[in-house]
C-alpha atoms as a PDB file:
ATOM      1  CA  GLY A   1      -2.915  16.057   9.471  1.00  0.00           C
ATOM      2  CA  ASN A   2      -2.317  16.057   5.720  1.00  0.00           C
ATOM      3  CA  ILE A   3      -3.773  14.146   2.806  1.00  0.00           C
ATOM      4  CA  VAL A   4      -1.532  13.572  -0.289  1.00  0.00           C
ATOM      5  CA  ALA A   5      -2.829  12.794  -3.809  1.00  0.00           C
ATOM      6  CA  LEU A   6      -1.070  11.700  -6.933  1.00  0.00           C
ATOM      7  CA  THR A   7      -2.552  12.703 -10.350  1.00  0.00           C
ATOM      8  CA  ASN A   8      -2.111  10.591 -13.584  1.00  0.00           C
ATOM      9  CA  THR A   9       0.267  13.248 -14.735  1.00  0.00           C
ATOM     10  CA  GLY A  10       2.655  12.856 -11.822  1.00  0.00           C
ATOM     11  CA  VAL A  11       1.646  15.937  -9.921  1.00  0.00           C
ATOM     12  CA  VAL A  12       1.373  15.583  -6.153  1.00  0.00           C
ATOM     13  CA  TRP A  13      -1.047  17.661  -4.098  1.00  0.00           C
ATOM     14  CA  SER A  14      -1.259  17.980  -0.281  1.00  0.00           C
ATOM     15  CA  ARG A  15      -4.240  19.061   1.759  1.00  0.00           C
ATOM     16  CA  ASP A  16      -3.794  20.479   5.165  1.00  0.00           C
ATOM     17  CA  SER A  17      -6.945  19.147   7.007  1.00  0.00           C
ATOM     18  CA  SER A  18      -6.868  22.029   9.498  1.00  0.00           C
ATOM     19  CA  ALA A  19      -6.851  24.794   6.887  1.00  0.00           C
ATOM     20  CA  GLY A  20      -8.648  22.804   4.158  1.00  0.00           C
ATOM     21  CA  VAL A  21      -6.200  24.062   1.462  1.00  0.00           C
ATOM     22  CA  TRP A  22      -4.657  21.982  -1.326  1.00  0.00           C
ATOM     23  CA  THR A  23      -0.990  22.779  -2.230  1.00  0.00           C
ATOM     24  CA  GLN A  24       1.059  21.396  -5.105  1.00  0.00           C
ATOM     25  CA  ILE A  25       4.174  19.705  -3.782  1.00  0.00           C
ATOM     26  CA  GLY A  26       7.426  20.535  -5.657  1.00  0.00           C
ATOM     27  CA  GLY A  27       6.081  23.112  -8.079  1.00  0.00           C
ATOM     28  CA  GLY A  28       6.342  21.385 -11.454  1.00  0.00           C
ATOM     29  CA  GLY A  29       5.404  17.859 -10.251  1.00  0.00           C
ATOM     30  CA  SER A  30       7.033  14.804  -8.949  1.00  0.00           C
ATOM     31  CA  GLY A  31       8.694  13.855 -12.114  1.00  0.00           C
ATOM     32  CA  GLN A  32       6.652  10.663 -12.056  1.00  0.00           C
ATOM     33  CA  THR A  33       5.666  10.375 -15.678  1.00  0.00           C
ATOM     34  CA  GLN A  34       5.993   6.593 -16.225  1.00  0.00           C
ATOM     35  CA  GLY A  35       2.519   5.466 -15.320  1.00  0.00           C
ATOM     36  CA  PRO A  36       2.119   7.136 -11.870  1.00  0.00           C
ATOM     37  CA  GLY A  37      -0.216   5.175  -9.771  1.00  0.00           C
ATOM     38  CA  ILE A  38       0.790   4.798  -6.071  1.00  0.00           C
ATOM     39  CA  ILE A  39       1.577   7.413  -3.410  1.00  0.00           C
ATOM     40  CA  PHE A  40       2.410   7.015   0.304  1.00  0.00           C
ATOM     41  CA  ALA A  41       4.125   9.100   2.896  1.00  0.00           C
ATOM     42  CA  SER A  42       5.054   9.220   6.665  1.00  0.00           C
ATOM     43  CA  ASP A  43       4.437  13.024   6.708  1.00  0.00           C
ATOM     44  CA  ALA A  44       4.579  16.066   4.433  1.00  0.00           C
ATOM     45  CA  SER A  45       8.330  15.942   4.176  1.00  0.00           C
ATOM     46  CA  ASN A  46       8.677  12.276   3.228  1.00  0.00           C
ATOM     47  CA  ILE A  47       6.582  11.371   0.322  1.00  0.00           C
ATOM     48  CA  TRP A  48       7.062   8.491  -2.164  1.00  0.00           C
ATOM     49  CA  THR A  49       5.396   7.871  -5.516  1.00  0.00           C
ATOM     50  CA  LEU A  50       5.688   4.746  -7.599  1.00  0.00           C
ATOM     51  CA  SER A  51       5.086   3.957 -11.298  1.00  0.00           C
ATOM     52  CA  ILE A  52       2.832   0.926 -12.101  1.00  0.00           C
ATOM     53  CA  VAL A  53       3.896   0.002 -15.589  1.00  0.00           C
ATOM     54  CA  ASN A  54       4.098  -3.778 -15.953  1.00  0.00           C
ATOM     55  CA  ASN A  55       7.329  -5.504 -17.004  1.00  0.00           C
ATOM     56  CA  THR A  56       9.490  -2.481 -16.374  1.00  0.00           C
ATOM     57  CA  ASP A  57      11.584  -1.345 -13.481  1.00  0.00           C
ATOM     58  CA  PRO A  58       9.340   0.593 -11.141  1.00  0.00           C
ATOM     59  CA  VAL A  59      10.271   4.345 -10.869  1.00  0.00           C
ATOM     60  CA  ILE A  60      10.463   5.441  -7.248  1.00  0.00           C
ATOM     61  CA  ARG A  61      10.389   9.170  -6.664  1.00  0.00           C
ATOM     62  CA  TYR A  62      10.809  10.644  -3.166  1.00  0.00           C
ATOM     63  CA  TRP A  63      10.099  14.174  -1.754  1.00  0.00           C
ATOM     64  CA  ASN A  64      12.438  15.180   1.159  1.00  0.00           C
ATOM     65  CA  GLY A  65      10.552  18.348   2.060  1.00  0.00           C
ATOM     66  CA  SER A  66      12.412  20.514  -0.433  1.00  0.00           C
ATOM     67  CA  ALA A  67      13.150  18.531  -3.696  1.00  0.00           C
ATOM     68  CA  TRP A  68      12.174  15.503  -5.699  1.00  0.00           C
ATOM     69  CA  ALA A  69      14.764  12.791  -6.429  1.00  0.00           C
ATOM     70  CA  THR A  70      14.701   9.259  -7.999  1.00  0.00           C
ATOM     71  CA  GLN A  71      15.672   6.315  -5.680  1.00  0.00           C
ATOM     72  CA  ALA A  72      17.278   3.228  -7.203  1.00  0.00           C
ATOM     73  CA  ASP A  73      15.357   0.050  -7.264  1.00  0.00           C
ATOM     74  CA  PRO A  74      16.952  -2.883  -5.343  1.00  0.00           C
ATOM     75  CA  SER A  75      19.024  -5.379  -7.307  1.00  0.00           C
ATOM     76  CA  GLY A  76      18.147  -9.058  -7.363  1.00  0.00           C
ATOM     77  CA  GLN A  77      16.261 -11.731  -9.029  1.00  0.00           C
ATOM     78  CA  ASP A  78      12.959 -10.828 -10.656  1.00  0.00           C
ATOM     79  CA  ASN A  79      13.166  -7.086  -9.479  1.00  0.00           C
ATOM     80  CA  ASN A  80      13.135  -5.923 -13.167  1.00  0.00           C
ATOM     81  CA  THR A  81       9.568  -7.196 -13.815  1.00  0.00           C
ATOM     82  CA  GLY A  82       6.144  -6.819 -12.229  1.00  0.00           C
ATOM     83  CA  VAL A  83       4.586  -3.847 -10.574  1.00  0.00           C
ATOM     84  CA  PRO A  84       4.468  -2.322  -7.090  1.00  0.00           C
ATOM     85  CA  LEU A  85       1.129  -2.500  -5.378  1.00  0.00           C
ATOM     86  CA  GLY A  86       1.350  -0.478  -2.258  1.00  0.00           C
ATOM     87  CA  GLY A  87       3.705   1.206   0.278  1.00  0.00           C
ATOM     88  CA  VAL A  88       3.942   2.509   3.787  1.00  0.00           C
ATOM     89  CA  GLY A  89       6.408   5.102   5.171  1.00  0.00           C
ATOM     90  CA  PHE A  90       7.374   5.781   8.824  1.00  0.00           C
ATOM     91  CA  SER A  91      10.219   8.227   8.484  1.00  0.00           C
ATOM     92  CA  SER A  92      13.042   9.214   6.039  1.00  0.00           C
ATOM     93  CA  THR A  93      14.938   6.137   7.041  1.00  0.00           C
ATOM     94  CA  ASP A  94      12.113   3.529   7.221  1.00  0.00           C
ATOM     95  CA  ALA A  95       9.660   2.675   4.531  1.00  0.00           C
ATOM     96  CA  TYR A  96       8.183  -0.413   2.800  1.00  0.00           C
ATOM     97  CA  ILE A  97       6.965  -1.294  -0.776  1.00  0.00           C
ATOM     98  CA  VAL A  98       5.093  -4.498  -1.699  1.00  0.00           C
ATOM     99  CA  ARG A  99       5.102  -5.616  -5.346  1.00  0.00           C
ATOM    100  CA  ALA A 100       4.363  -8.585  -7.522  1.00  0.00           C
ATOM    101  CA  ASP A 101       6.562 -10.149 -10.198  1.00  0.00           C
ATOM    102  CA  ASN A 102       5.708 -11.980 -13.382  1.00  0.00           C
ATOM    103  CA  VAL A 103       6.503 -15.428 -11.928  1.00  0.00           C
ATOM    104  CA  GLY A 104       3.936 -15.280  -9.250  1.00  0.00           C
ATOM    105  CA  HIS A 105       6.035 -14.104  -6.256  1.00  0.00           C
ATOM    106  CA  GLY A 106       5.399 -11.257  -3.810  1.00  0.00           C
ATOM    107  CA  HIS A 107       8.277  -9.076  -2.679  1.00  0.00           C
ATOM    108  CA  ILE A 108       8.823  -6.618   0.099  1.00  0.00           C
ATOM    109  CA  TRP A 109      11.318  -3.809  -0.338  1.00  0.00           C
ATOM    110  CA  HIS A 110      12.671  -1.899   2.644  1.00  0.00           C
ATOM    111  CA  TRP A 111      14.107   1.604   2.626  1.00  0.00           C
ATOM    112  CA  ASP A 112      16.779   2.195   5.244  1.00  0.00           C
ATOM    113  CA  GLY A 113      17.514   5.926   4.413  1.00  0.00           C
ATOM    114  CA  SER A 114      20.218   4.970   1.794  1.00  0.00           C
ATOM    115  CA  ASN A 115      19.091   1.974  -0.210  1.00  0.00           C
ATOM    116  CA  TRP A 116      15.913  -0.213  -1.123  1.00  0.00           C
ATOM    117  CA  THR A 117      16.565  -3.902  -0.477  1.00  0.00           C
ATOM    118  CA  ASP A 118      14.377  -6.931  -1.100  1.00  0.00           C
ATOM    119  CA  VAL A 119      13.875  -8.220   2.400  1.00  0.00           C
ATOM    120  CA  HIS A 120      11.001 -10.758   2.038  1.00  0.00           C
ATOM    121  CA  THR A 121       9.595 -13.074  -0.703  1.00  0.00           C
ATOM    122  CA  ALA A 122       6.381 -14.941  -0.738  1.00  0.00           C
ATOM    123  CA  ALA A 123       4.997 -17.740  -2.930  1.00  0.00           C
ATOM    124  CA  TYR A 124       2.022 -15.584  -3.825  1.00  0.00           C
ATOM    125  CA  ASN A 125       1.891 -12.152  -5.393  1.00  0.00           C
ATOM    126  CA  TYR A 126       1.310  -9.423  -2.805  1.00  0.00           C
ATOM    127  CA  THR A 127      -1.589  -7.035  -3.370  1.00  0.00           C
ATOM    128  CA  GLY A 128      -1.441  -4.482  -0.593  1.00  0.00           C
ATOM    129  CA  ILE A 129       0.059  -3.552   2.752  1.00  0.00           C
ATOM    130  CA  TRP A 130      -1.199  -1.907   5.932  1.00  0.00           C
ATOM    131  CA  ALA A 131       0.892  -1.079   9.015  1.00  0.00           C
ATOM    132  CA  ARG A 132       0.274  -0.127  12.686  1.00  0.00           C
ATOM    133  CA  GLY A 133       3.997   0.504  13.144  1.00  0.00           C
ATOM    134  CA  THR A 134       7.539  -0.270  11.844  1.00  0.00           C
ATOM    135  CA  ASP A 135       7.429  -3.718  13.514  1.00  0.00           C
ATOM    136  CA  ASP A 136       3.883  -4.567  13.003  1.00  0.00           C
ATOM    137  CA  PHE A 137       2.315  -4.658   9.535  1.00  0.00           C
ATOM    138  CA  PHE A 138       0.008  -6.871   7.379  1.00  0.00           C
ATOM    139  CA  VAL A 139       0.226  -7.749   3.627  1.00  0.00           C
ATOM    140  CA  SER A 140      -2.544  -9.198   1.638  1.00  0.00           C
ATOM    141  CA  GLU A 141      -1.897 -11.832  -1.151  1.00  0.00           C
ATOM    142  CA  ALA A 142      -3.484 -12.698  -4.368  1.00  0.00           C
ATOM    143  CA  GLY A 143      -3.836 -16.262  -3.211  1.00  0.00           C
ATOM    144  CA  GLY A 144      -6.292 -15.119  -0.579  1.00  0.00           C
ATOM    145  CA  ARG A 145      -3.967 -15.106   2.484  1.00  0.00           C
ATOM    146  CA  VAL A 146      -3.074 -12.284   4.824  1.00  0.00           C
ATOM    147  CA  GLU A 147       0.420 -12.318   6.365  1.00  0.00           C
ATOM    148  CA  GLU A 148       1.543 -10.516   9.439  1.00  0.00           C
ATOM    149  CA  TYR A 149       4.994  -9.262  10.432  1.00  0.00           C
ATOM    150  CA  ASN A 150       5.451  -8.649  14.096  1.00  0.00           C
ATOM    151  CA  SER A 151       8.691  -7.894  15.773  1.00  0.00           C
ATOM    152  CA  GLY A 152      10.784 -10.068  13.207  1.00  0.00           C
ATOM    153  CA  THR A 153       8.383 -12.886  12.991  1.00  0.00           C
ATOM    154  CA  TRP A 154       6.119 -13.707   9.888  1.00  0.00           C
ATOM    155  CA  SER A 155       2.829 -15.585  10.312  1.00  0.00           C
ATOM    156  CA  PHE A 156      -0.338 -16.291   8.357  1.00  0.00           C
ATOM    157  CA  VAL A 157      -3.471 -14.921   9.934  1.00  0.00           C
ATOM    158  CA  LEU A 158      -5.968 -15.851   7.208  1.00  0.00           C
ATOM    159  CA  ASP A 159      -5.971 -18.399   4.411  1.00  0.00           C
ATOM    160  CA  SER A 160      -8.937 -17.645   2.089  1.00  0.00           C
ATOM    161  CA  ALA A 161      -9.937 -19.009  -1.240  1.00  0.00           C
ATOM    162  CA  THR A 162     -10.393 -15.671  -2.945  1.00  0.00           C
ATOM    163  CA  SER A 163      -7.749 -12.954  -3.679  1.00  0.00           C
ATOM    164  CA  VAL A 164      -7.533 -10.290  -1.072  1.00  0.00           C
ATOM    165  CA  PRO A 165      -6.662  -6.874  -2.542  1.00  0.00           C
ATOM    166  CA  ALA A 166      -6.516  -4.917   0.662  1.00  0.00           C
ATOM    167  CA  VAL A 167      -6.594  -5.251   4.540  1.00  0.00           C
ATOM    168  CA  TRP A 168      -7.000  -2.700   7.367  1.00  0.00           C
ATOM    169  CA  VAL A 169      -6.036  -3.511  10.959  1.00  0.00           C
ATOM    170  CA  GLY A 170      -6.959  -1.172  13.850  1.00  0.00           C
ATOM    171  CA  SER A 171      -6.060  -3.498  16.823  1.00  0.00           C
ATOM    172  CA  SER A 172      -5.696  -7.126  17.714  1.00  0.00           C
ATOM    173  CA  SER A 173      -9.340  -7.418  17.856  1.00  0.00           C
ATOM    174  CA  ASP A 174     -10.553  -5.176  15.063  1.00  0.00           C
ATOM    175  CA  ALA A 175      -9.497  -5.698  11.325  1.00  0.00           C
ATOM    176  CA  TYR A 176     -11.240  -5.708   8.007  1.00  0.00           C
ATOM    177  CA  LEU A 177     -10.340  -7.281   4.574  1.00  0.00           C
ATOM    178  CA  VAL A 178     -11.965  -7.123   1.176  1.00  0.00           C
ATOM    179  CA  THR A 179     -11.869  -9.740  -1.662  1.00  0.00           C
ATOM    180  CA  ILE A 180     -12.103  -9.229  -5.411  1.00  0.00           C
ATOM    181  CA  ILE A 181     -15.590 -10.688  -5.582  1.00  0.00           C
ATOM    182  CA  GLY A 182     -16.967  -8.071  -3.184  1.00  0.00           C
ATOM    183  CA  VAL A 183     -16.886  -9.962   0.157  1.00  0.00           C
ATOM    184  CA  ILE A 184     -16.190  -7.802   3.270  1.00  0.00           C
ATOM    185  CA  ARG A 185     -14.888  -9.685   6.397  1.00  0.00           C
ATOM    186  CA  ARG A 186     -14.087  -8.481   9.881  1.00  0.00           C
ATOM    187  CA  TYR A 187     -11.773  -9.963  12.431  1.00  0.00           C
ATOM    188  CA  ASN A 188     -13.119  -9.794  16.085  1.00  0.00           C
ATOM    189  CA  GLY A 189     -10.051 -11.089  17.861  1.00  0.00           C
ATOM    190  CA  SER A 190     -10.732 -14.776  17.357  1.00  0.00           C
ATOM    191  CA  ASP A 191     -12.332 -15.273  13.941  1.00  0.00           C
ATOM    192  CA  TRP A 192     -12.988 -13.761  10.521  1.00  0.00           C
ATOM    193  CA  LYS A 193     -16.678 -13.135   9.889  1.00  0.00           C
ATOM    194  CA  THR A 194     -18.309 -12.070   6.568  1.00  0.00           C
ATOM    195  CA  ILE A 195     -20.280  -8.941   7.266  1.00  0.00           C
ATOM    196  CA  ALA A 196     -21.338  -7.676   3.871  1.00  0.00           C
ATOM    197  CA  PHE A 197     -21.277  -8.384   0.173  1.00  0.00           C
ATOM    198  CA  THR A 198     -21.330  -6.088  -2.825  1.00  0.00           C
ATOM    199  CA  ASN A 199     -21.882  -6.866  -6.475  1.00  0.00           C
ATOM    200  CA  SER A 200     -18.567  -5.482  -7.738  1.00  0.00           C
ATOM    201  CA  THR A 201     -14.914  -5.738  -7.161  1.00  0.00           C
ATOM    202  CA  ILE A 202     -13.601  -3.961  -3.960  1.00  0.00           C
ATOM    203  CA  THR A 203     -10.119  -2.559  -4.419  1.00  0.00           C
ATOM    204  CA  SER A 204      -9.349  -1.087  -1.011  1.00  0.00           C
ATOM    205  CA  VAL A 205     -10.477  -0.537   2.593  1.00  0.00           C
ATOM    206  CA  TRP A 206      -9.710   2.217   5.095  1.00  0.00           C
ATOM    207  CA  ALA A 207     -11.044   3.118   8.578  1.00  0.00           C
ATOM    208  CA  SER A 208     -10.506   5.507  11.315  1.00  0.00           C
ATOM    209  CA  GLY A 209     -12.280   3.099  13.785  1.00  0.00           C
ATOM    210  CA  PRO A 210     -14.779   0.231  14.012  1.00  0.00           C
ATOM    211  CA  ASN A 211     -17.669   2.495  13.282  1.00  0.00           C
ATOM    212  CA  ASP A 212     -16.141   4.459  10.495  1.00  0.00           C
ATOM    213  CA  VAL A 213     -14.975   2.127   7.592  1.00  0.00           C
ATOM    214  CA  TRP A 214     -14.798   3.076   3.941  1.00  0.00           C
ATOM    215  CA  LEU A 215     -14.489   0.958   0.753  1.00  0.00           C
ATOM    216  CA  ALA A 216     -13.526   1.795  -2.770  1.00  0.00           C
ATOM    217  CA  ARG A 217     -14.798  -0.411  -5.577  1.00  0.00           C
ATOM    218  CA  SER A 218     -14.270  -0.781  -9.228  1.00  0.00           C
ATOM    219  CA  GLN A 219     -16.903   1.931 -10.101  1.00  0.00           C
ATOM    220  CA  PRO A 220     -15.994   5.410  -8.980  1.00  0.00           C
ATOM    221  CA  VAL A 221     -18.109   5.093  -5.729  1.00  0.00           C
ATOM    222  CA  LEU A 222     -17.264   5.238  -2.048  1.00  0.00           C
ATOM    223  CA  LEU A 223     -19.371   3.037   0.299  1.00  0.00           C
ATOM    224  CA  PRO A 224     -19.478   4.283   3.907  1.00  0.00           C
END
């Protein structure tokens, strides 16, 4: 597998885990110079980078395996303000971005291979997205809720009192979320249980399985 990384100057690097070698994607960089901050991909030939400058149109840059290009933002109400906060890609014709606008709404944009369109709006700002597949993904909200999309149906799986910046879901009986006040909660198939607490803001969570969970917090530290 590959790991991709975006620098604050817009340069994208890819690491082949089998060879352990980092390679710069696209030579001179992604062209993402307007506050680069988010990167996601489906594979080494389908990579997206997003700018995170507030109150400006997000810049979406896309790598198709041979060249970088800018993709147009979707048109529609409130799409010219706020910032993107996460994305997932499945193929060259299927990807999602979550973003927040400046009036407190969360938006989900979908890429169909030709255009980005605004396909879902929530009453709270979205803070993150995690997907198990194109028809099964979860979004976290600033209002403390976690929302699931499954085969065309939206439902709330958690309503918390504290903002949730990130969620990771491994299966229907194994999921984790983190809150901005440092609470870590795990879903066991029937209920969310608090399993740990840190004294700083947690910004993201990732896992390869129930016994290998990683957290990133506001200080530059990874907590295994």
